[in-house]
N, C-alpha and C. Protein backbone atom coordinates (compact mmCIF):
# COMPACT_ATOMS: atom_id res chain seq x y z
N MET A 1 0.40 17.33 44.09
CA MET A 1 -0.67 16.49 44.35
C MET A 1 -0.13 15.42 43.44
N THR A 2 -0.37 13.96 44.02
CA THR A 2 -0.47 13.05 43.22
C THR A 2 -1.29 12.21 42.26
N ALA A 3 -1.49 11.61 41.21
CA ALA A 3 -2.71 10.87 40.92
C ALA A 3 -2.15 9.56 41.12
N VAL A 4 -3.70 9.24 41.35
CA VAL A 4 -3.85 7.94 41.78
C VAL A 4 -4.70 7.07 41.00
N GLN A 5 -4.15 6.15 40.60
CA GLN A 5 -4.99 4.94 39.43
C GLN A 5 -5.73 4.40 40.32
N LEU A 6 -7.25 4.33 39.48
CA LEU A 6 -8.08 2.90 40.08
C LEU A 6 -7.36 1.50 39.75
N GLN A 7 -7.78 1.04 40.57
CA GLN A 7 -7.15 -0.11 40.90
C GLN A 7 -8.26 -0.99 41.13
N PHE A 8 -8.46 -2.50 40.82
CA PHE A 8 -9.73 -3.06 41.36
C PHE A 8 -8.96 -4.50 41.43
N PRO A 9 -9.11 -5.35 42.65
CA PRO A 9 -8.20 -6.16 43.19
C PRO A 9 -8.12 -7.52 42.35
N GLU A 10 -9.35 -7.89 41.40
CA GLU A 10 -9.71 -8.55 40.13
C GLU A 10 -10.07 -8.39 39.20
N PRO A 11 -9.66 -9.06 38.07
CA PRO A 11 -9.97 -8.48 37.26
C PRO A 11 -11.70 -8.29 36.68
N VAL A 12 -11.96 -7.34 35.77
CA VAL A 12 -13.48 -7.35 35.79
C VAL A 12 -13.82 -8.00 34.57
N HIS A 13 -14.92 -9.11 34.45
CA HIS A 13 -15.21 -10.02 33.77
C HIS A 13 -15.36 -9.35 32.51
N GLY A 14 -14.53 -9.49 31.35
CA GLY A 14 -15.68 -8.83 29.54
C GLY A 14 -14.94 -7.69 29.90
N ALA A 15 -13.93 -7.11 30.74
CA ALA A 15 -13.78 -5.69 30.21
C ALA A 15 -12.64 -5.82 29.12
N VAL A 16 -11.73 -6.85 29.26
CA VAL A 16 -10.60 -7.13 28.10
C VAL A 16 -11.36 -8.34 27.28
N GLU A 17 -12.02 -8.05 26.78
CA GLU A 17 -12.41 -9.30 25.47
C GLU A 17 -12.36 -8.87 23.86
N PRO A 18 -11.05 -9.18 23.57
CA PRO A 18 -10.72 -8.60 21.87
C PRO A 18 -11.84 -8.83 20.90
N ALA A 19 -12.70 -9.95 21.47
CA ALA A 19 -13.67 -10.09 20.30
C ALA A 19 -14.85 -9.46 20.37
N ALA A 20 -15.17 -8.73 21.60
CA ALA A 20 -15.82 -7.75 21.79
C ALA A 20 -15.67 -6.77 21.44
N GLY A 21 -14.49 -6.53 21.30
CA GLY A 21 -13.87 -5.18 20.66
C GLY A 21 -14.38 -4.87 19.10
N GLU A 22 -13.92 -6.31 18.71
CA GLU A 22 -13.56 -6.42 17.40
C GLU A 22 -15.46 -6.03 16.77
N ARG A 23 -15.95 -7.07 18.00
CA ARG A 23 -17.85 -6.66 17.52
C ARG A 23 -18.05 -5.28 17.02
N ALA A 24 -17.60 -5.15 18.06
CA ALA A 24 -18.05 -3.30 18.32
C ALA A 24 -17.76 -2.46 17.54
N LYS A 25 -16.23 -2.86 17.12
CA LYS A 25 -15.27 -2.05 15.54
C LYS A 25 -16.46 -1.93 14.46
N GLU A 26 -16.52 -3.49 14.45
CA GLU A 26 -17.91 -3.87 13.03
C GLU A 26 -19.09 -3.15 12.78
N ALA A 27 -19.33 -2.95 14.35
CA ALA A 27 -20.86 -2.70 14.03
C ALA A 27 -21.04 -0.89 13.76
N GLY A 28 -19.89 -0.44 14.86
CA GLY A 28 -19.72 0.63 14.30
C GLY A 28 -19.45 1.17 12.52
N MET A 29 -18.48 0.74 12.37
CA MET A 29 -18.07 0.77 11.32
C MET A 29 -19.86 0.53 10.03
N ALA A 30 -20.19 -0.04 10.10
CA ALA A 30 -21.69 -0.62 9.48
C ALA A 30 -22.33 0.60 9.23
N ARG A 31 -22.68 1.52 10.56
CA ARG A 31 -23.26 2.39 10.49
C ARG A 31 -22.71 3.58 10.23
N ALA A 32 -21.49 3.70 9.88
CA ALA A 32 -20.68 4.70 9.25
C ALA A 32 -20.86 4.78 8.14
N GLU A 33 -20.72 3.20 7.29
CA GLU A 33 -20.80 3.16 6.34
C GLU A 33 -22.27 3.33 5.57
N ALA A 34 -23.50 3.24 6.44
CA ALA A 34 -25.00 3.38 5.86
C ALA A 34 -24.99 4.44 6.20
N ALA A 35 -24.76 5.36 6.48
CA ALA A 35 -24.75 7.44 7.04
C ALA A 35 -23.76 8.15 5.95
N THR A 36 -23.10 7.33 5.09
CA THR A 36 -22.23 8.05 4.18
C THR A 36 -23.19 8.09 2.78
N ASP A 37 -22.91 9.25 2.54
CA ASP A 37 -23.43 9.74 1.02
C ASP A 37 -22.56 8.90 -0.03
N VAL A 38 -23.22 8.17 -1.04
CA VAL A 38 -22.46 7.65 -2.05
C VAL A 38 -21.30 8.10 -2.92
N SER A 39 -21.80 10.15 -3.25
CA SER A 39 -21.13 10.45 -3.58
C SER A 39 -19.74 10.80 -2.82
N TRP A 40 -19.87 11.04 -1.54
CA TRP A 40 -18.38 11.32 -0.82
C TRP A 40 -17.80 10.17 -0.81
N ALA A 41 -17.99 8.95 -0.48
CA ALA A 41 -17.72 7.92 -0.67
C ALA A 41 -16.64 7.53 -1.92
N ALA A 42 -17.34 7.62 -2.81
CA ALA A 42 -16.56 7.70 -4.47
C ALA A 42 -15.45 8.51 -4.53
N ALA A 43 -15.59 9.75 -3.84
CA ALA A 43 -14.78 10.95 -4.04
C ALA A 43 -13.45 10.45 -3.29
N CYS A 44 -13.70 10.03 -2.07
CA CYS A 44 -12.84 9.59 -1.10
C CYS A 44 -12.27 8.09 -1.77
N ASP A 45 -12.53 7.38 -2.13
CA ASP A 45 -12.17 6.27 -2.93
C ASP A 45 -11.10 6.70 -3.65
N ALA A 46 -11.51 7.67 -4.69
CA ALA A 46 -10.83 8.09 -5.64
C ALA A 46 -9.36 8.92 -5.34
N ALA A 47 -9.82 9.46 -4.17
CA ALA A 47 -8.51 9.98 -3.39
C ALA A 47 -7.87 9.59 -2.53
N ILE A 48 -8.01 8.22 -2.03
CA ILE A 48 -7.28 7.18 -1.09
C ILE A 48 -5.79 6.29 -2.40
N GLN A 49 -7.00 6.07 -3.35
CA GLN A 49 -6.06 5.52 -4.62
C GLN A 49 -4.89 6.07 -4.86
N LEU A 50 -5.19 7.82 -5.48
CA LEU A 50 -4.29 8.85 -5.85
C LEU A 50 -3.31 8.52 -5.02
N MET A 51 -3.51 8.95 -3.51
CA MET A 51 -2.20 8.91 -2.92
C MET A 51 -1.83 7.43 -2.38
N ALA A 52 -2.19 6.65 -2.69
CA ALA A 52 -1.49 5.50 -3.16
C ALA A 52 -0.68 4.90 -4.05
N ARG A 53 -1.33 5.68 -5.16
CA ARG A 53 0.17 5.67 -6.31
C ARG A 53 1.03 6.68 -6.13
N ARG A 54 1.21 7.25 -5.50
CA ARG A 54 2.19 8.46 -5.00
C ARG A 54 3.45 7.31 -4.10
N GLY A 55 2.97 6.45 -3.12
CA GLY A 55 3.69 5.62 -2.98
C GLY A 55 4.36 6.34 -1.56
N GLN A 56 4.10 7.44 -1.13
CA GLN A 56 4.42 7.97 0.13
C GLN A 56 3.03 8.04 0.91
N PRO A 57 3.64 7.65 2.60
CA PRO A 57 2.81 7.56 3.17
C PRO A 57 1.93 8.73 3.75
N PHE A 58 0.65 8.49 4.16
CA PHE A 58 -0.59 9.71 4.07
C PHE A 58 -1.12 9.41 5.10
N GLN A 59 -1.98 10.33 5.29
CA GLN A 59 -3.53 10.06 6.73
C GLN A 59 -4.79 10.81 5.69
N ALA A 60 -5.55 10.61 6.53
CA ALA A 60 -6.92 11.45 5.78
C ALA A 60 -6.81 12.45 5.86
N ALA A 61 -5.98 13.59 6.90
CA ALA A 61 -6.17 14.50 6.59
C ALA A 61 -5.21 15.50 5.00
N ASP A 62 -4.49 14.50 5.20
CA ASP A 62 -3.56 15.00 3.48
C ASP A 62 -4.76 14.96 2.33
N LEU A 63 -5.54 14.01 2.38
CA LEU A 63 -6.51 13.83 1.37
C LEU A 63 -7.46 15.25 1.52
N VAL A 64 -7.94 15.86 2.62
CA VAL A 64 -8.58 17.35 2.87
C VAL A 64 -7.42 18.00 2.33
N ARG A 65 -6.37 18.02 3.11
CA ARG A 65 -5.28 19.13 2.76
C ARG A 65 -4.91 19.38 1.41
N GLU A 66 -4.95 18.85 0.45
CA GLU A 66 -4.45 18.35 -1.00
C GLU A 66 -5.85 18.45 -1.80
N GLY A 67 -6.92 18.79 -1.40
CA GLY A 67 -8.36 19.22 -1.61
C GLY A 67 -9.28 18.29 -2.58
N LEU A 68 -8.59 17.14 -2.54
CA LEU A 68 -8.92 15.90 -3.38
C LEU A 68 -10.60 15.43 -2.71
N VAL A 69 -10.76 15.54 -1.16
CA VAL A 69 -11.85 15.38 -0.86
C VAL A 69 -12.18 16.14 0.18
N ASP A 70 -13.43 16.78 0.51
CA ASP A 70 -13.84 17.20 1.94
C ASP A 70 -14.18 16.61 2.63
N GLU A 71 -14.18 17.31 4.11
CA GLU A 71 -14.41 16.28 5.11
C GLU A 71 -15.75 16.02 5.13
N PRO A 72 -16.02 14.45 5.91
CA PRO A 72 -17.25 14.04 5.70
C PRO A 72 -17.85 14.71 6.82
N PRO A 73 -19.41 14.63 6.79
CA PRO A 73 -19.83 15.10 8.03
C PRO A 73 -19.63 14.43 9.28
N ASP A 74 -19.13 13.67 9.13
CA ASP A 74 -18.84 12.48 10.53
C ASP A 74 -17.79 11.85 10.10
N HIS A 75 -16.61 12.52 11.01
CA HIS A 75 -15.52 11.79 11.08
C HIS A 75 -15.06 10.24 10.94
N HIS A 76 -16.16 9.46 11.92
CA HIS A 76 -16.48 8.08 11.41
C HIS A 76 -16.71 7.69 10.20
N GLN A 77 -17.03 8.41 9.22
CA GLN A 77 -17.00 7.89 7.92
C GLN A 77 -15.66 7.71 7.06
N TRP A 78 -14.44 7.96 7.31
CA TRP A 78 -13.44 7.79 7.23
C TRP A 78 -12.73 6.26 7.42
N GLY A 79 -13.38 5.84 8.48
CA GLY A 79 -12.71 4.47 8.95
C GLY A 79 -13.13 3.18 7.39
N PRO A 80 -14.66 3.54 7.18
CA PRO A 80 -15.15 2.40 6.54
C PRO A 80 -14.13 2.07 5.04
N ARG A 81 -13.62 3.69 4.53
CA ARG A 81 -13.35 4.14 3.51
C ARG A 81 -11.85 3.39 3.07
N PHE A 82 -11.31 3.74 3.90
CA PHE A 82 -9.39 3.23 4.21
C PHE A 82 -9.67 1.60 4.63
N GLY A 83 -10.75 1.28 5.38
CA GLY A 83 -10.91 -0.03 5.66
C GLY A 83 -10.86 -1.29 4.65
N LYS A 84 -11.78 -0.82 3.65
CA LYS A 84 -12.24 -0.85 2.24
C LYS A 84 -11.06 -1.00 1.50
N ALA A 85 -10.14 -0.11 1.30
CA ALA A 85 -8.91 0.21 0.26
C ALA A 85 -7.94 -0.90 0.95
N ALA A 86 -7.81 -0.98 2.26
CA ALA A 86 -6.90 -2.06 2.51
C ALA A 86 -7.17 -3.33 2.53
N ARG A 87 -8.64 -3.81 2.69
CA ARG A 87 -9.25 -5.30 2.17
C ARG A 87 -8.94 -5.05 0.80
N ASP A 88 -9.19 -4.15 0.10
CA ASP A 88 -8.86 -4.18 -1.53
C ASP A 88 -7.78 -4.40 -2.11
N GLY A 89 -6.52 -4.56 -1.02
CA GLY A 89 -5.27 -4.36 -1.62
C GLY A 89 -4.52 -2.61 -2.41
N ILE A 90 -5.38 -2.05 -1.88
CA ILE A 90 -4.70 -0.87 -2.39
C ILE A 90 -3.61 -0.01 -1.94
N ILE A 91 -4.24 -0.28 -0.02
CA ILE A 91 -3.84 0.37 0.82
C ILE A 91 -2.96 -0.53 1.69
N ARG A 92 -1.86 -0.14 2.32
CA ARG A 92 -1.63 -0.94 3.55
C ARG A 92 -1.19 -0.39 4.96
N ASP A 93 -1.48 -0.25 5.96
CA ASP A 93 -0.85 0.10 7.21
C ASP A 93 0.72 0.82 7.12
N ALA A 94 1.03 1.67 7.35
CA ALA A 94 2.07 2.37 7.69
C ALA A 94 2.65 2.85 8.90
N GLY A 95 1.91 2.39 10.28
CA GLY A 95 2.28 2.86 11.46
C GLY A 95 0.89 4.02 11.74
N ALA A 96 1.40 4.48 12.97
CA ALA A 96 0.84 5.61 13.49
C ALA A 96 1.84 6.41 14.05
N VAL A 97 1.36 7.75 13.46
CA VAL A 97 1.99 8.69 13.69
C VAL A 97 0.99 10.09 14.22
N PRO A 98 1.23 11.10 15.05
CA PRO A 98 0.58 12.24 15.23
C PRO A 98 -0.15 12.56 14.03
N SER A 99 -1.53 13.12 14.57
CA SER A 99 -2.44 13.57 13.27
C SER A 99 -2.24 15.02 13.37
N LYS A 100 -2.28 15.48 11.72
CA LYS A 100 -1.79 16.50 11.48
C LYS A 100 -3.19 17.58 11.60
N ARG A 101 -4.39 17.56 12.16
CA ARG A 101 -5.49 18.04 12.35
C ARG A 101 -5.00 18.67 13.70
N ALA A 102 -5.15 19.83 13.58
CA ALA A 102 -4.92 20.84 14.95
C ALA A 102 -6.07 20.27 15.65
N THR A 103 -7.33 19.83 15.40
CA THR A 103 -8.59 20.03 16.33
C THR A 103 -8.72 18.72 16.99
N VAL A 104 -7.40 17.62 16.81
CA VAL A 104 -7.42 16.59 17.86
C VAL A 104 -6.30 16.71 18.55
N HIS A 105 -5.64 17.58 18.57
CA HIS A 105 -4.45 18.20 19.17
C HIS A 105 -3.08 16.98 19.25
N ARG A 106 -3.03 16.34 18.33
CA ARG A 106 -1.67 15.78 17.53
C ARG A 106 -1.84 14.09 17.96
N SER A 107 -3.14 13.85 18.24
CA SER A 107 -3.15 12.36 19.08
C SER A 107 -2.77 11.23 17.80
N LEU A 108 -2.74 10.38 18.57
CA LEU A 108 -2.25 9.25 17.38
C LEU A 108 -3.12 9.00 16.17
N CYS A 109 -2.91 8.54 14.90
CA CYS A 109 -3.69 8.07 14.12
C CYS A 109 -2.86 7.36 12.92
N ARG A 110 -3.54 6.02 12.30
CA ARG A 110 -3.14 6.18 11.36
C ARG A 110 -2.89 6.48 10.03
N GLN A 111 -1.45 5.73 9.74
CA GLN A 111 -1.23 6.39 8.19
C GLN A 111 -1.59 4.90 7.09
N TRP A 112 -1.06 5.41 6.08
CA TRP A 112 -1.33 4.45 4.89
C TRP A 112 -0.43 4.67 3.88
N ILE A 113 0.09 3.31 3.49
CA ILE A 113 0.41 3.69 2.43
C ILE A 113 0.30 2.76 1.03
N GLY A 114 0.52 3.20 0.02
CA GLY A 114 0.30 2.20 -1.19
C GLY A 114 0.73 1.02 -1.48
N ALA A 115 -0.11 -0.17 -1.34
CA ALA A 115 0.18 -1.51 -0.94
C ALA A 115 1.45 -1.82 -2.10
N GLY A 116 1.89 -1.22 -2.88
CA GLY A 116 2.67 -1.91 -3.45
C GLY A 116 4.22 -1.03 -3.29
N ALA A 117 4.04 -0.09 -2.48
CA ALA A 117 5.42 0.86 -2.47
C ALA A 117 6.15 -0.08 -1.38
N GLU A 118 7.20 0.50 -1.61
CA GLU A 118 8.64 0.05 -0.65
C GLU A 118 8.51 0.70 0.56
N GLU A 119 9.02 0.17 1.66
CA GLU A 119 9.39 0.74 2.31
C GLU A 119 10.69 1.76 2.30
N VAL A 120 10.33 3.20 3.03
CA VAL A 120 11.45 3.86 3.04
C VAL A 120 11.87 4.23 4.43
N ALA A 121 13.24 3.78 4.37
CA ALA A 121 13.89 3.89 6.00
C ALA A 121 13.92 5.22 6.45
N ALA A 122 13.52 5.51 7.43
CA ALA A 122 13.56 6.78 8.20
C ALA A 122 14.97 7.39 8.69
């Protein structure tokens, strides 16, 4: 059996609107931040800073694997912490890689590196 992709004869107005996507992301991040326990947020921020100082790429799963912070009650709570660290100049985007979490079946996730770290040739 061949898979068939649904095709529309014309673009659906509003289906591709980057500004709307950014607004939705910001609203979701604000909801996640508001629901985050301040003690977990502080522990996560400290863990991100420690990993950033190491100068090696890392993802959220590494913070848990190393025992630096527990999983948050809601996985959406990671985003605001990494976003704040990036805005504060602590970390920078180091590309997308397969997640180390078995529960997400190696889907792509962002990895980070300390903002002052040198690029490492692969």
